[in-house]
PDB file of all heavy atoms in Angstrom:
ATOM      1  N   LEU A   1     131.922 113.143 146.814  1.00  0.00           N
ATOM      2  CA  LEU A   1     132.284 113.247 148.224  1.00  0.00           C
ATOM      3  C   LEU A   1     131.248 114.127 148.905  1.00  0.00           C
ATOM      4  O   LEU A   1     131.000 115.252 148.478  1.00  0.00           O
ATOM      5  CB  LEU A   1     133.673 113.858 148.366  1.00  0.00           C
ATOM      6  CG  LEU A   1     134.161 114.102 149.800  1.00  0.00           C
ATOM      7  CD1 LEU A   1     134.280 112.795 150.558  1.00  0.00           C
ATOM      8  CD2 LEU A   1     135.495 114.849 149.780  1.00  0.00           C
ATOM      9  N   LEU A   2     130.638 113.622 149.966  1.00  0.00           N
ATOM     10  CA  LEU A   2     129.565 114.330 150.653  1.00  0.00           C
ATOM     11  C   LEU A   2     129.955 114.642 152.098  1.00  0.00           C
ATOM     12  O   LEU A   2     130.688 113.884 152.738  1.00  0.00           O
ATOM     13  CB  LEU A   2     128.284 113.490 150.676  1.00  0.00           C
ATOM     14  CG  LEU A   2     127.765 112.900 149.371  1.00  0.00           C
ATOM     15  CD1 LEU A   2     126.479 112.110 149.646  1.00  0.00           C
ATOM     16  CD2 LEU A   2     127.520 113.982 148.334  1.00  0.00           C
ATOM     17  N   ALA A   3     129.432 115.748 152.592  1.00  0.00           N
ATOM     18  CA  ALA A   3     129.428 116.024 154.026  1.00  0.00           C
ATOM     19  C   ALA A   3     128.034 115.647 154.506  1.00  0.00           C
ATOM     20  O   ALA A   3     127.030 116.146 153.990  1.00  0.00           O
ATOM     21  CB  ALA A   3     129.720 117.491 154.297  1.00  0.00           C
ATOM     22  N   VAL A   4     127.971 114.761 155.477  1.00  0.00           N
ATOM     23  CA  VAL A   4     126.688 114.222 155.939  1.00  0.00           C
ATOM     24  C   VAL A   4     126.516 114.538 157.424  1.00  0.00           C
ATOM     25  O   VAL A   4     127.410 114.279 158.229  1.00  0.00           O
ATOM     26  CB  VAL A   4     126.620 112.690 155.728  1.00  0.00           C
ATOM     27  CG1 VAL A   4     125.290 112.141 156.226  1.00  0.00           C
ATOM     28  CG2 VAL A   4     126.823 112.348 154.258  1.00  0.00           C
ATOM     29  N   ARG A   5     125.367 115.098 157.756  1.00  0.00           N
ATOM     30  CA  ARG A   5     125.059 115.382 159.159  1.00  0.00           C
ATOM     31  C   ARG A   5     123.844 114.553 159.565  1.00  0.00           C
ATOM     32  O   ARG A   5     122.792 114.615 158.934  1.00  0.00           O
ATOM     33  CB  ARG A   5     124.774 116.872 159.364  1.00  0.00           C
ATOM     34  CG  ARG A   5     124.493 117.227 160.836  1.00  0.00           C
ATOM     35  CD  ARG A   5     124.405 118.736 161.023  1.00  0.00           C
ATOM     36  NE  ARG A   5     123.299 119.324 160.278  1.00  0.00           N
ATOM     37  CZ  ARG A   5     122.047 119.366 160.732  1.00  0.00           C
ATOM     38  NH1 ARG A   5     121.741 118.817 161.905  1.00  0.00           N
ATOM     39  NH2 ARG A   5     121.108 119.929 160.006  1.00  0.00           N
ATOM     40  N   LEU A   6     124.013 113.794 160.624  1.00  0.00           N
ATOM     41  CA  LEU A   6     122.925 112.950 161.101  1.00  0.00           C
ATOM     42  C   LEU A   6     122.074 113.697 162.113  1.00  0.00           C
ATOM     43  O   LEU A   6     122.583 114.239 163.089  1.00  0.00           O
ATOM     44  CB  LEU A   6     123.477 111.682 161.755  1.00  0.00           C
ATOM     45  CG  LEU A   6     124.097 110.636 160.831  1.00  0.00           C
ATOM     46  CD1 LEU A   6     124.506 109.422 161.642  1.00  0.00           C
ATOM     47  CD2 LEU A   6     123.135 110.237 159.731  1.00  0.00           C
ATOM     48  N   GLU A   7     120.775 113.691 161.862  1.00  0.00           N
ATOM     49  CA  GLU A   7     119.839 114.224 162.854  1.00  0.00           C
ATOM     50  C   GLU A   7     119.450 113.115 163.827  1.00  0.00           C
ATOM     51  O   GLU A   7     119.338 113.331 165.029  1.00  0.00           O
ATOM     52  CB  GLU A   7     118.603 114.797 162.163  1.00  0.00           C
ATOM     53  CG  GLU A   7     117.645 115.489 163.103  1.00  0.00           C
ATOM     54  CD  GLU A   7     116.556 116.235 162.354  1.00  0.00           C
ATOM     55  OE1 GLU A   7     116.860 116.893 161.333  1.00  0.00           O
ATOM     56  OE2 GLU A   7     115.394 116.147 162.783  1.00  0.00           O
ATOM     57  N   THR A   8     119.241 111.920 163.282  1.00  0.00           N
ATOM     58  CA  THR A   8     119.019 110.731 164.110  1.00  0.00           C
ATOM     59  C   THR A   8     120.249 109.844 163.956  1.00  0.00           C
ATOM     60  O   THR A   8     121.144 110.147 163.176  1.00  0.00           O
ATOM     61  CB  THR A   8     117.761 109.981 163.657  1.00  0.00           C
ATOM     62  OG1 THR A   8     117.880 109.705 162.243  1.00  0.00           O
ATOM     63  CG2 THR A   8     116.516 110.816 163.889  1.00  0.00           C
ATOM     64  N   GLY A   9     120.281 108.741 164.675  1.00  0.00           N
ATOM     65  CA  GLY A   9     121.456 107.870 164.614  1.00  0.00           C
ATOM     66  C   GLY A   9     121.080 106.410 164.566  1.00  0.00           C
ATOM     67  O   GLY A   9     121.468 105.631 165.431  1.00  0.00           O
ATOM     68  N   ARG A  10     120.336 106.024 163.543  1.00  0.00           N
ATOM     69  CA  ARG A  10     119.895 104.633 163.422  1.00  0.00           C
ATOM     70  C   ARG A  10     121.011 103.744 162.877  1.00  0.00           C
ATOM     71  O   ARG A  10     121.939 104.222 162.220  1.00  0.00           O
ATOM     72  CB  ARG A  10     118.666 104.535 162.506  1.00  0.00           C
ATOM     73  CG  ARG A  10     117.541 105.470 162.849  1.00  0.00           C
ATOM     74  CD  ARG A  10     117.077 105.356 164.280  1.00  0.00           C
ATOM     75  NE  ARG A  10     115.955 106.241 164.549  1.00  0.00           N
ATOM     76  CZ  ARG A  10     115.568 106.594 165.759  1.00  0.00           C
ATOM     77  NH1 ARG A  10     116.205 106.140 166.831  1.00  0.00           N
ATOM     78  NH2 ARG A  10     114.526 107.400 165.921  1.00  0.00           N
ATOM     79  N   THR A  11     120.884 102.458 163.131  1.00  0.00           N
ATOM     80  CA  THR A  11     121.867 101.509 162.635  1.00  0.00           C
ATOM     81  C   THR A  11     121.968 101.577 161.112  1.00  0.00           C
ATOM     82  O   THR A  11     120.955 101.512 160.416  1.00  0.00           O
ATOM     83  CB  THR A  11     121.491 100.076 163.058  1.00  0.00           C
ATOM     84  OG1 THR A  11     121.381 100.027 164.484  1.00  0.00           O
ATOM     85  CG2 THR A  11     122.545  99.084 162.602  1.00  0.00           C
ATOM     86  N   HIS A  12     123.196 101.737 160.607  1.00  0.00           N
ATOM     87  CA  HIS A  12     123.475 101.780 159.165  1.00  0.00           C
ATOM     88  C   HIS A  12     122.758 102.930 158.457  1.00  0.00           C
ATOM     89  O   HIS A  12     122.545 102.864 157.240  1.00  0.00           O
ATOM     90  CB  HIS A  12     123.095 100.463 158.479  1.00  0.00           C
ATOM     91  CG  HIS A  12     123.876  99.274 158.957  1.00  0.00           C
ATOM     92  ND1 HIS A  12     123.722  98.021 158.405  1.00  0.00           N
ATOM     93  CD2 HIS A  12     124.807  99.133 159.943  1.00  0.00           C
ATOM     94  CE1 HIS A  12     124.509  97.161 159.029  1.00  0.00           C
ATOM     95  NE2 HIS A  12     125.184  97.819 159.974  1.00  0.00           N
ATOM     96  N   GLN A  13     122.366 103.963 159.165  1.00  0.00           N
ATOM     97  CA  GLN A  13     121.485 104.986 158.591  1.00  0.00           C
ATOM     98  C   GLN A  13     122.020 105.591 157.293  1.00  0.00           C
ATOM     99  O   GLN A  13     121.305 105.662 156.286  1.00  0.00           O
ATOM    100  CB  GLN A  13     121.230 106.100 159.608  1.00  0.00           C
ATOM    101  CG  GLN A  13     120.316 107.204 159.077  1.00  0.00           C
ATOM    102  CD  GLN A  13     119.960 108.228 160.143  1.00  0.00           C
ATOM    103  OE1 GLN A  13     119.683 107.875 161.276  1.00  0.00           O
ATOM    104  NE2 GLN A  13     119.985 109.500 159.789  1.00  0.00           N
ATOM    105  N   ILE A  14     123.256 106.059 157.305  1.00  0.00           N
ATOM    106  CA  ILE A  14     123.813 106.685 156.103  1.00  0.00           C
ATOM    107  C   ILE A  14     123.871 105.685 154.969  1.00  0.00           C
ATOM    108  O   ILE A  14     123.493 105.979 153.823  1.00  0.00           O
ATOM    109  CB  ILE A  14     125.208 107.253 156.401  1.00  0.00           C
ATOM    110  CG1 ILE A  14     125.117 108.404 157.408  1.00  0.00           C
ATOM    111  CG2 ILE A  14     125.888 107.743 155.116  1.00  0.00           C
ATOM    112  CD1 ILE A  14     126.459 108.924 157.884  1.00  0.00           C
ATOM    113  N   ARG A  15     124.313 104.484 155.258  1.00  0.00           N
ATOM    114  CA  ARG A  15     124.447 103.455 154.238  1.00  0.00           C
ATOM    115  C   ARG A  15     123.088 103.102 153.630  1.00  0.00           C
ATOM    116  O   ARG A  15     122.953 102.949 152.408  1.00  0.00           O
ATOM    117  CB  ARG A  15     125.109 102.225 154.846  1.00  0.00           C
ATOM    118  CG  ARG A  15     126.483 102.514 155.429  1.00  0.00           C
ATOM    119  CD  ARG A  15     126.964 101.429 156.371  1.00  0.00           C
ATOM    120  NE  ARG A  15     127.208 100.182 155.664  1.00  0.00           N
ATOM    121  CZ  ARG A  15     127.506  99.038 156.274  1.00  0.00           C
ATOM    122  NH1 ARG A  15     127.555  98.987 157.597  1.00  0.00           N
ATOM    123  NH2 ARG A  15     127.719  97.945 155.567  1.00  0.00           N
ATOM    124  N   VAL A  16     122.077 102.973 154.480  1.00  0.00           N
ATOM    125  CA  VAL A  16     120.735 102.622 154.011  1.00  0.00           C
ATOM    126  C   VAL A  16     120.131 103.754 153.177  1.00  0.00           C
ATOM    127  O   VAL A  16     119.566 103.527 152.100  1.00  0.00           O
ATOM    128  CB  VAL A  16     119.825 102.289 155.209  1.00  0.00           C
ATOM    129  CG1 VAL A  16     118.372 102.152 154.762  1.00  0.00           C
ATOM    130  CG2 VAL A  16     120.278 101.014 155.887  1.00  0.00           C
ATOM    131  N   HIS A  17     120.232 104.973 153.668  1.00  0.00           N
ATOM    132  CA  HIS A  17     119.604 106.093 152.973  1.00  0.00           C
ATOM    133  C   HIS A  17     120.184 106.315 151.577  1.00  0.00           C
ATOM    134  O   HIS A  17     119.442 106.521 150.611  1.00  0.00           O
ATOM    135  CB  HIS A  17     119.735 107.366 153.808  1.00  0.00           C
ATOM    136  CG  HIS A  17     118.624 107.533 154.797  1.00  0.00           C
ATOM    137  ND1 HIS A  17     118.603 108.517 155.751  1.00  0.00           N
ATOM    138  CD2 HIS A  17     117.459 106.839 154.971  1.00  0.00           C
ATOM    139  CE1 HIS A  17     117.500 108.432 156.461  1.00  0.00           C
ATOM    140  NE2 HIS A  17     116.787 107.411 156.011  1.00  0.00           N
ATOM    141  N   PHE A  18     121.501 106.258 151.448  1.00  0.00           N
ATOM    142  CA  PHE A  18     122.069 106.509 150.120  1.00  0.00           C
ATOM    143  C   PHE A  18     121.917 105.311 149.199  1.00  0.00           C
ATOM    144  O   PHE A  18     121.806 105.483 147.977  1.00  0.00           O
ATOM    145  CB  PHE A  18     123.523 106.972 150.238  1.00  0.00           C
ATOM    146  CG  PHE A  18     123.617 108.396 150.713  1.00  0.00           C
ATOM    147  CD1 PHE A  18     123.904 108.682 152.030  1.00  0.00           C
ATOM    148  CD2 PHE A  18     123.339 109.439 149.849  1.00  0.00           C
ATOM    149  CE1 PHE A  18     123.935 109.996 152.490  1.00  0.00           C
ATOM    150  CE2 PHE A  18     123.363 110.758 150.283  1.00  0.00           C
ATOM    151  CZ  PHE A  18     123.666 111.039 151.606  1.00  0.00           C
ATOM    152  N   SER A  19     121.842 104.120 149.755  1.00  0.00           N
ATOM    153  CA  SER A  19     121.518 102.962 148.933  1.00  0.00           C
ATOM    154  C   SER A  19     120.105 103.086 148.376  1.00  0.00           C
ATOM    155  O   SER A  19     119.847 102.761 147.212  1.00  0.00           O
ATOM    156  CB  SER A  19     121.651 101.680 149.765  1.00  0.00           C
ATOM    157  OG  SER A  19     121.249 100.548 149.025  1.00  0.00           O
ATOM    158  N   ALA A  20     119.177 103.590 149.204  1.00  0.00           N
ATOM    159  CA  ALA A  20     117.798 103.772 148.755  1.00  0.00           C
ATOM    160  C   ALA A  20     117.699 104.800 147.631  1.00  0.00           C
ATOM    161  O   ALA A  20     116.796 104.728 146.787  1.00  0.00           O
ATOM    162  CB  ALA A  20     116.921 104.198 149.931  1.00  0.00           C
ATOM    163  N   LEU A  21     118.634 105.745 147.601  1.00  0.00           N
ATOM    164  CA  LEU A  21     118.659 106.755 146.535  1.00  0.00           C
ATOM    165  C   LEU A  21     119.424 106.267 145.310  1.00  0.00           C
ATOM    166  O   LEU A  21     119.628 107.022 144.362  1.00  0.00           O
ATOM    167  CB  LEU A  21     119.315 108.044 147.044  1.00  0.00           C
ATOM    168  CG  LEU A  21     118.575 108.842 148.120  1.00  0.00           C
ATOM    169  CD1 LEU A  21     119.341 110.121 148.425  1.00  0.00           C
ATOM    170  CD2 LEU A  21     117.149 109.164 147.688  1.00  0.00           C
ATOM    171  N   ARG A  22     119.856 105.017 145.352  1.00  0.00           N
ATOM    172  CA  ARG A  22     120.658 104.413 144.279  1.00  0.00           C
ATOM    173  C   ARG A  22     122.032 105.064 144.172  1.00  0.00           C
ATOM    174  O   ARG A  22     122.634 105.145 143.091  1.00  0.00           O
ATOM    175  CB  ARG A  22     119.917 104.465 142.929  1.00  0.00           C
ATOM    176  CG  ARG A  22     118.592 103.718 142.941  1.00  0.00           C
ATOM    177  CD  ARG A  22     117.899 103.793 141.591  1.00  0.00           C
ATOM    178  NE  ARG A  22     116.595 103.169 141.633  1.00  0.00           N
ATOM    179  CZ  ARG A  22     116.350 101.893 141.378  1.00  0.00           C
ATOM    180  NH1 ARG A  22     117.360 101.084 141.093  1.00  0.00           N
ATOM    181  NH2 ARG A  22     115.117 101.411 141.423  1.00  0.00           N
ATOM    182  N   HIS A  23     122.540 105.519 145.290  1.00  0.00           N
ATOM    183  CA  HIS A  23     123.893 106.057 145.388  1.00  0.00           C
ATOM    184  C   HIS A  23     124.593 105.397 146.576  1.00  0.00           C
ATOM    185  O   HIS A  23     124.905 106.048 147.578  1.00  0.00           O
ATOM    186  CB  HIS A  23     123.870 107.579 145.571  1.00  0.00           C
ATOM    187  CG  HIS A  23     123.352 108.335 144.397  1.00  0.00           C
ATOM    188  ND1 HIS A  23     124.015 108.396 143.189  1.00  0.00           N
ATOM    189  CD2 HIS A  23     122.203 109.048 144.235  1.00  0.00           C
ATOM    190  CE1 HIS A  23     123.317 109.128 142.333  1.00  0.00           C
ATOM    191  NE2 HIS A  23     122.216 109.533 142.945  1.00  0.00           N
ATOM    192  N   PRO A  24     124.816 104.071 146.497  1.00  0.00           N
ATOM    193  CA  PRO A  24     125.433 103.382 147.636  1.00  0.00           C
ATOM    194  C   PRO A  24     126.834 103.910 147.921  1.00  0.00           C
ATOM    195  O   PRO A  24     127.504 104.467 147.041  1.00  0.00           O
ATOM    196  CB  PRO A  24     125.473 101.922 147.181  1.00  0.00           C
ATOM    197  CG  PRO A  24     125.494 102.003 145.687  1.00  0.00           C
ATOM    198  CD  PRO A  24     124.617 103.173 145.341  1.00  0.00           C
ATOM    199  N   LEU A  25     127.268 103.738 149.151  1.00  0.00           N
ATOM    200  CA  LEU A  25     128.614 104.146 149.502  1.00  0.00           C
ATOM    201  C   LEU A  25     129.633 103.286 148.751  1.00  0.00           C
ATOM    202  O   LEU A  25     129.456 102.075 148.608  1.00  0.00           O
ATOM    203  CB  LEU A  25     128.844 104.003 151.008  1.00  0.00           C
ATOM    204  CG  LEU A  25     128.528 105.228 151.870  1.00  0.00           C
ATOM    205  CD1 LEU A  25     127.073 105.638 151.748  1.00  0.00           C
ATOM    206  CD2 LEU A  25     128.905 104.971 153.318  1.00  0.00           C
ATOM    207  N   VAL A  26     130.671 103.925 148.285  1.00  0.00           N
ATOM    208  CA  VAL A  26     131.760 103.199 147.643  1.00  0.00           C
ATOM    209  C   VAL A  26     132.346 102.216 148.654  1.00  0.00           C
ATOM    210  O   VAL A  26     132.577 102.558 149.817  1.00  0.00           O
ATOM    211  CB  VAL A  26     132.842 104.188 147.156  1.00  0.00           C
ATOM    212  CG1 VAL A  26     134.066 103.434 146.636  1.00  0.00           C
ATOM    213  CG2 VAL A  26     132.283 105.111 146.073  1.00  0.00           C
ATOM    214  N   GLY A  27     132.533 100.975 148.217  1.00  0.00           N
ATOM    215  CA  GLY A  27     133.126  99.962 149.088  1.00  0.00           C
ATOM    216  C   GLY A  27     132.161  99.276 150.021  1.00  0.00           C
ATOM    217  O   GLY A  27     132.596  98.617 150.978  1.00  0.00           O
ATOM    218  N   ASP A  28     130.854  99.410 149.788  1.00  0.00           N
ATOM    219  CA  ASP A  28     129.851  98.849 150.698  1.00  0.00           C
ATOM    220  C   ASP A  28     129.010  97.788 149.997  1.00  0.00           C
ATOM    221  O   ASP A  28     127.881  98.050 149.575  1.00  0.00           O
ATOM    222  CB  ASP A  28     128.955  99.970 151.222  1.00  0.00           C
ATOM    223  CG  ASP A  28     128.061  99.528 152.372  1.00  0.00           C
ATOM    224  OD1 ASP A  28     128.158  98.369 152.797  1.00  0.00           O
ATOM    225  OD2 ASP A  28     127.257 100.352 152.849  1.00  0.00           O
ATOM    226  N   PRO A  29     129.520  96.541 149.873  1.00  0.00           N
ATOM    227  CA  PRO A  29     128.789  95.508 149.134  1.00  0.00           C
ATOM    228  C   PRO A  29     127.457  95.129 149.768  1.00  0.00           C
ATOM    229  O   PRO A  29     126.542  94.696 149.067  1.00  0.00           O
ATOM    230  CB  PRO A  29     129.767  94.317 149.137  1.00  0.00           C
ATOM    231  CG  PRO A  29     130.655  94.557 150.307  1.00  0.00           C
ATOM    232  CD  PRO A  29     130.802  96.042 150.398  1.00  0.00           C
ATOM    233  N   LEU A  30     127.326  95.281 151.094  1.00  0.00           N
ATOM    234  CA  LEU A  30     126.063  94.929 151.750  1.00  0.00           C
ATOM    235  C   LEU A  30     124.918  95.767 151.204  1.00  0.00           C
ATOM    236  O   LEU A  30     123.768  95.314 151.153  1.00  0.00           O
ATOM    237  CB  LEU A  30     126.184  95.136 153.262  1.00  0.00           C
ATOM    238  CG  LEU A  30     124.970  94.745 154.112  1.00  0.00           C
ATOM    239  CD1 LEU A  30     124.680  93.254 153.989  1.00  0.00           C
ATOM    240  CD2 LEU A  30     125.184  95.134 155.566  1.00  0.00           C
ATOM    241  N   TYR A  31     125.209  96.987 150.769  1.00  0.00           N
ATOM    242  CA  TYR A  31     124.161  97.887 150.294  1.00  0.00           C
ATOM    243  C   TYR A  31     124.319  98.253 148.808  1.00  0.00           C
ATOM    244  O   TYR A  31     123.849  99.302 148.385  1.00  0.00           O
ATOM    245  CB  TYR A  31     124.105  99.136 151.176  1.00  0.00           C
ATOM    246  CG  TYR A  31     123.569  98.820 152.551  1.00  0.00           C
ATOM    247  CD1 TYR A  31     124.415  98.679 153.638  1.00  0.00           C
ATOM    248  CD2 TYR A  31     122.205  98.592 152.760  1.00  0.00           C
ATOM    249  CE1 TYR A  31     123.926  98.348 154.903  1.00  0.00           C
ATOM    250  CE2 TYR A  31     121.708  98.259 154.008  1.00  0.00           C
ATOM    251  CZ  TYR A  31     122.569  98.140 155.067  1.00  0.00           C
ATOM    252  OH  TYR A  31     122.075  97.806 156.312  1.00  0.00           O
ATOM    253  N   GLY A  32     124.957  97.373 148.035  1.00  0.00           N
ATOM    254  CA  GLY A  32     124.878  97.488 146.588  1.00  0.00           C
ATOM    255  C   GLY A  32     125.969  98.251 145.883  1.00  0.00           C
ATOM    256  O   GLY A  32     125.755  98.732 144.769  1.00  0.00           O
ATOM    257  N   CYS A  33     127.158  98.358 146.466  1.00  0.00           N
ATOM    258  CA  CYS A  33     128.226  99.069 145.769  1.00  0.00           C
ATOM    259  C   CYS A  33     128.736  98.251 144.585  1.00  0.00           C
ATOM    260  O   CYS A  33     128.453  97.062 144.451  1.00  0.00           O
ATOM    261  CB  CYS A  33     129.381  99.374 146.727  1.00  0.00           C
ATOM    262  SG  CYS A  33     130.508  97.966 146.996  1.00  0.00           S
ATOM    263  N   ASP A  34     129.505  98.901 143.727  1.00  0.00           N
ATOM    264  CA  ASP A  34     130.159  98.240 142.603  1.00  0.00           C
ATOM    265  C   ASP A  34     131.425  97.563 143.133  1.00  0.00           C
ATOM    266  O   ASP A  34     132.384  98.254 143.505  1.00  0.00           O
ATOM    267  CB  ASP A  34     130.519  99.278 141.541  1.00  0.00           C
ATOM    268  CG  ASP A  34     131.264  98.673 140.357  1.00  0.00           C
ATOM    269  OD1 ASP A  34     131.507  97.456 140.352  1.00  0.00           O
ATOM    270  OD2 ASP A  34     131.615  99.441 139.431  1.00  0.00           O
ATOM    271  N   PRO A  35     131.475  96.235 143.180  1.00  0.00           N
ATOM    272  CA  PRO A  35     132.650  95.561 143.735  1.00  0.00           C
ATOM    273  C   PRO A  35     133.909  95.777 142.910  1.00  0.00           C
ATOM    274  O   PRO A  35     135.028  95.741 143.445  1.00  0.00           O
ATOM    275  CB  PRO A  35     132.233  94.089 143.765  1.00  0.00           C
ATOM    276  CG  PRO A  35     131.156  93.973 142.738  1.00  0.00           C
ATOM    277  CD  PRO A  35     130.439  95.283 142.749  1.00  0.00           C
ATOM    278  N   VAL A  36     133.743  95.997 141.606  1.00  0.00           N
ATOM    279  CA  VAL A  36     134.904  96.234 140.741  1.00  0.00           C
ATOM    280  C   VAL A  36     135.577  97.553 141.117  1.00  0.00           C
ATOM    281  O   VAL A  36     136.810  97.645 141.211  1.00  0.00           O
ATOM    282  CB  VAL A  36     134.492  96.242 139.257  1.00  0.00           C
ATOM    283  CG1 VAL A  36     135.684  96.600 138.367  1.00  0.00           C
ATOM    284  CG2 VAL A  36     133.921  94.884 138.867  1.00  0.00           C
ATOM    285  N   LEU A  37     134.766  98.588 141.339  1.00  0.00           N
ATOM    286  CA  LEU A  37     135.305  99.885 141.741  1.00  0.00           C
ATOM    287  C   LEU A  37     135.990  99.775 143.101  1.00  0.00           C
ATOM    288  O   LEU A  37     137.094 100.306 143.298  1.00  0.00           O
ATOM    289  CB  LEU A  37     134.184 100.921 141.811  1.00  0.00           C
ATOM    290  CG  LEU A  37     134.578 102.310 142.343  1.00  0.00           C
ATOM    291  CD1 LEU A  37     135.646 102.939 141.456  1.00  0.00           C
ATOM    292  CD2 LEU A  37     133.355 103.204 142.450  1.00  0.00           C
ATOM    293  N   ALA A  38     135.358  99.090 144.043  1.00  0.00           N
ATOM    294  CA  ALA A  38     135.950  98.936 145.371  1.00  0.00           C
ATOM    295  C   ALA A  38     137.299  98.230 145.290  1.00  0.00           C
ATOM    296  O   ALA A  38     138.266  98.640 145.958  1.00  0.00           O
ATOM    297  CB  ALA A  38     134.993  98.165 146.278  1.00  0.00           C
ATOM    298  N   ALA A  39     137.383  97.198 144.457  1.00  0.00           N
ATOM    299  CA  ALA A  39     138.637  96.459 144.310  1.00  0.00           C
ATOM    300  C   ALA A  39     139.713  97.338 143.688  1.00  0.00           C
ATOM    301  O   ALA A  39     140.880  97.300 144.099  1.00  0.00           O
ATOM    302  CB  ALA A  39     138.411  95.205 143.468  1.00  0.00           C
ATOM    303  N   ARG A  40     139.331  98.128 142.693  1.00  0.00           N
ATOM    304  CA  ARG A  40     140.299  99.022 142.045  1.00  0.00           C
ATOM    305  C   ARG A  40     140.874 100.030 143.024  1.00  0.00           C
ATOM    306  O   ARG A  40     142.050 100.391 142.958  1.00  0.00           O
ATOM    307  CB  ARG A  40     139.637  99.753 140.873  1.00  0.00           C
ATOM    308  CG  ARG A  40     140.569 100.704 140.131  1.00  0.00           C
ATOM    309  CD  ARG A  40     139.938 101.235 138.873  1.00  0.00           C
ATOM    310  NE  ARG A  40     138.876 102.198 139.121  1.00  0.00           N
ATOM    311  CZ  ARG A  40     139.091 103.502 139.385  1.00  0.00           C
ATOM    312  NH1 ARG A  40     140.329 103.971 139.449  1.00  0.00           N
ATOM    313  NH2 ARG A  40     138.066 104.304 139.579  1.00  0.00           N
ATOM    314  N   LEU A  41     140.038 100.472 143.963  1.00  0.00           N
ATOM    315  CA  LEU A  41     140.472 101.453 144.943  1.00  0.00           C
ATOM    316  C   LEU A  41     141.151 100.822 146.154  1.00  0.00           C
ATOM    317  O   LEU A  41     141.660 101.533 147.035  1.00  0.00           O
ATOM    318  CB  LEU A  41     139.268 102.282 145.423  1.00  0.00           C
ATOM    319  CG  LEU A  41     138.543 103.101 144.353  1.00  0.00           C
ATOM    320  CD1 LEU A  41     137.296 103.758 144.946  1.00  0.00           C
ATOM    321  CD2 LEU A  41     139.462 104.158 143.751  1.00  0.00           C
ATOM    322  N   GLY A  42     141.157  99.484 146.213  1.00  0.00           N
ATOM    323  CA  GLY A  42     141.778  98.798 147.332  1.00  0.00           C
ATOM    324  C   GLY A  42     140.982  98.903 148.627  1.00  0.00           C
ATOM    325  O   GLY A  42     141.530  98.725 149.715  1.00  0.00           O
ATOM    326  N   LEU A  43     139.670  99.158 148.509  1.00  0.00           N
ATOM    327  CA  LEU A  43     138.838  99.322 149.700  1.00  0.00           C
ATOM    328  C   LEU A  43     138.305  97.979 150.194  1.00  0.00           C
ATOM    329  O   LEU A  43     137.785  97.192 149.417  1.00  0.00           O
ATOM    330  CB  LEU A  43     137.658 100.253 149.410  1.00  0.00           C
ATOM    331  CG  LEU A  43     137.945 101.753 149.383  1.00  0.00           C
ATOM    332  CD1 LEU A  43     136.692 102.513 148.985  1.00  0.00           C
ATOM    333  CD2 LEU A  43     138.439 102.242 150.745  1.00  0.00           C
TER     334      LEU A  43
END
């Protein structure tokens, strides 16, 4: 669980940045999340 502060506000910025670090947001299939985990959590 992260606290994230945006300095800029680009489209999908948080989702793109953490996907690039190989830490996609849970429940975000567009940017590479684990669909099995998302389904288990009901997201």
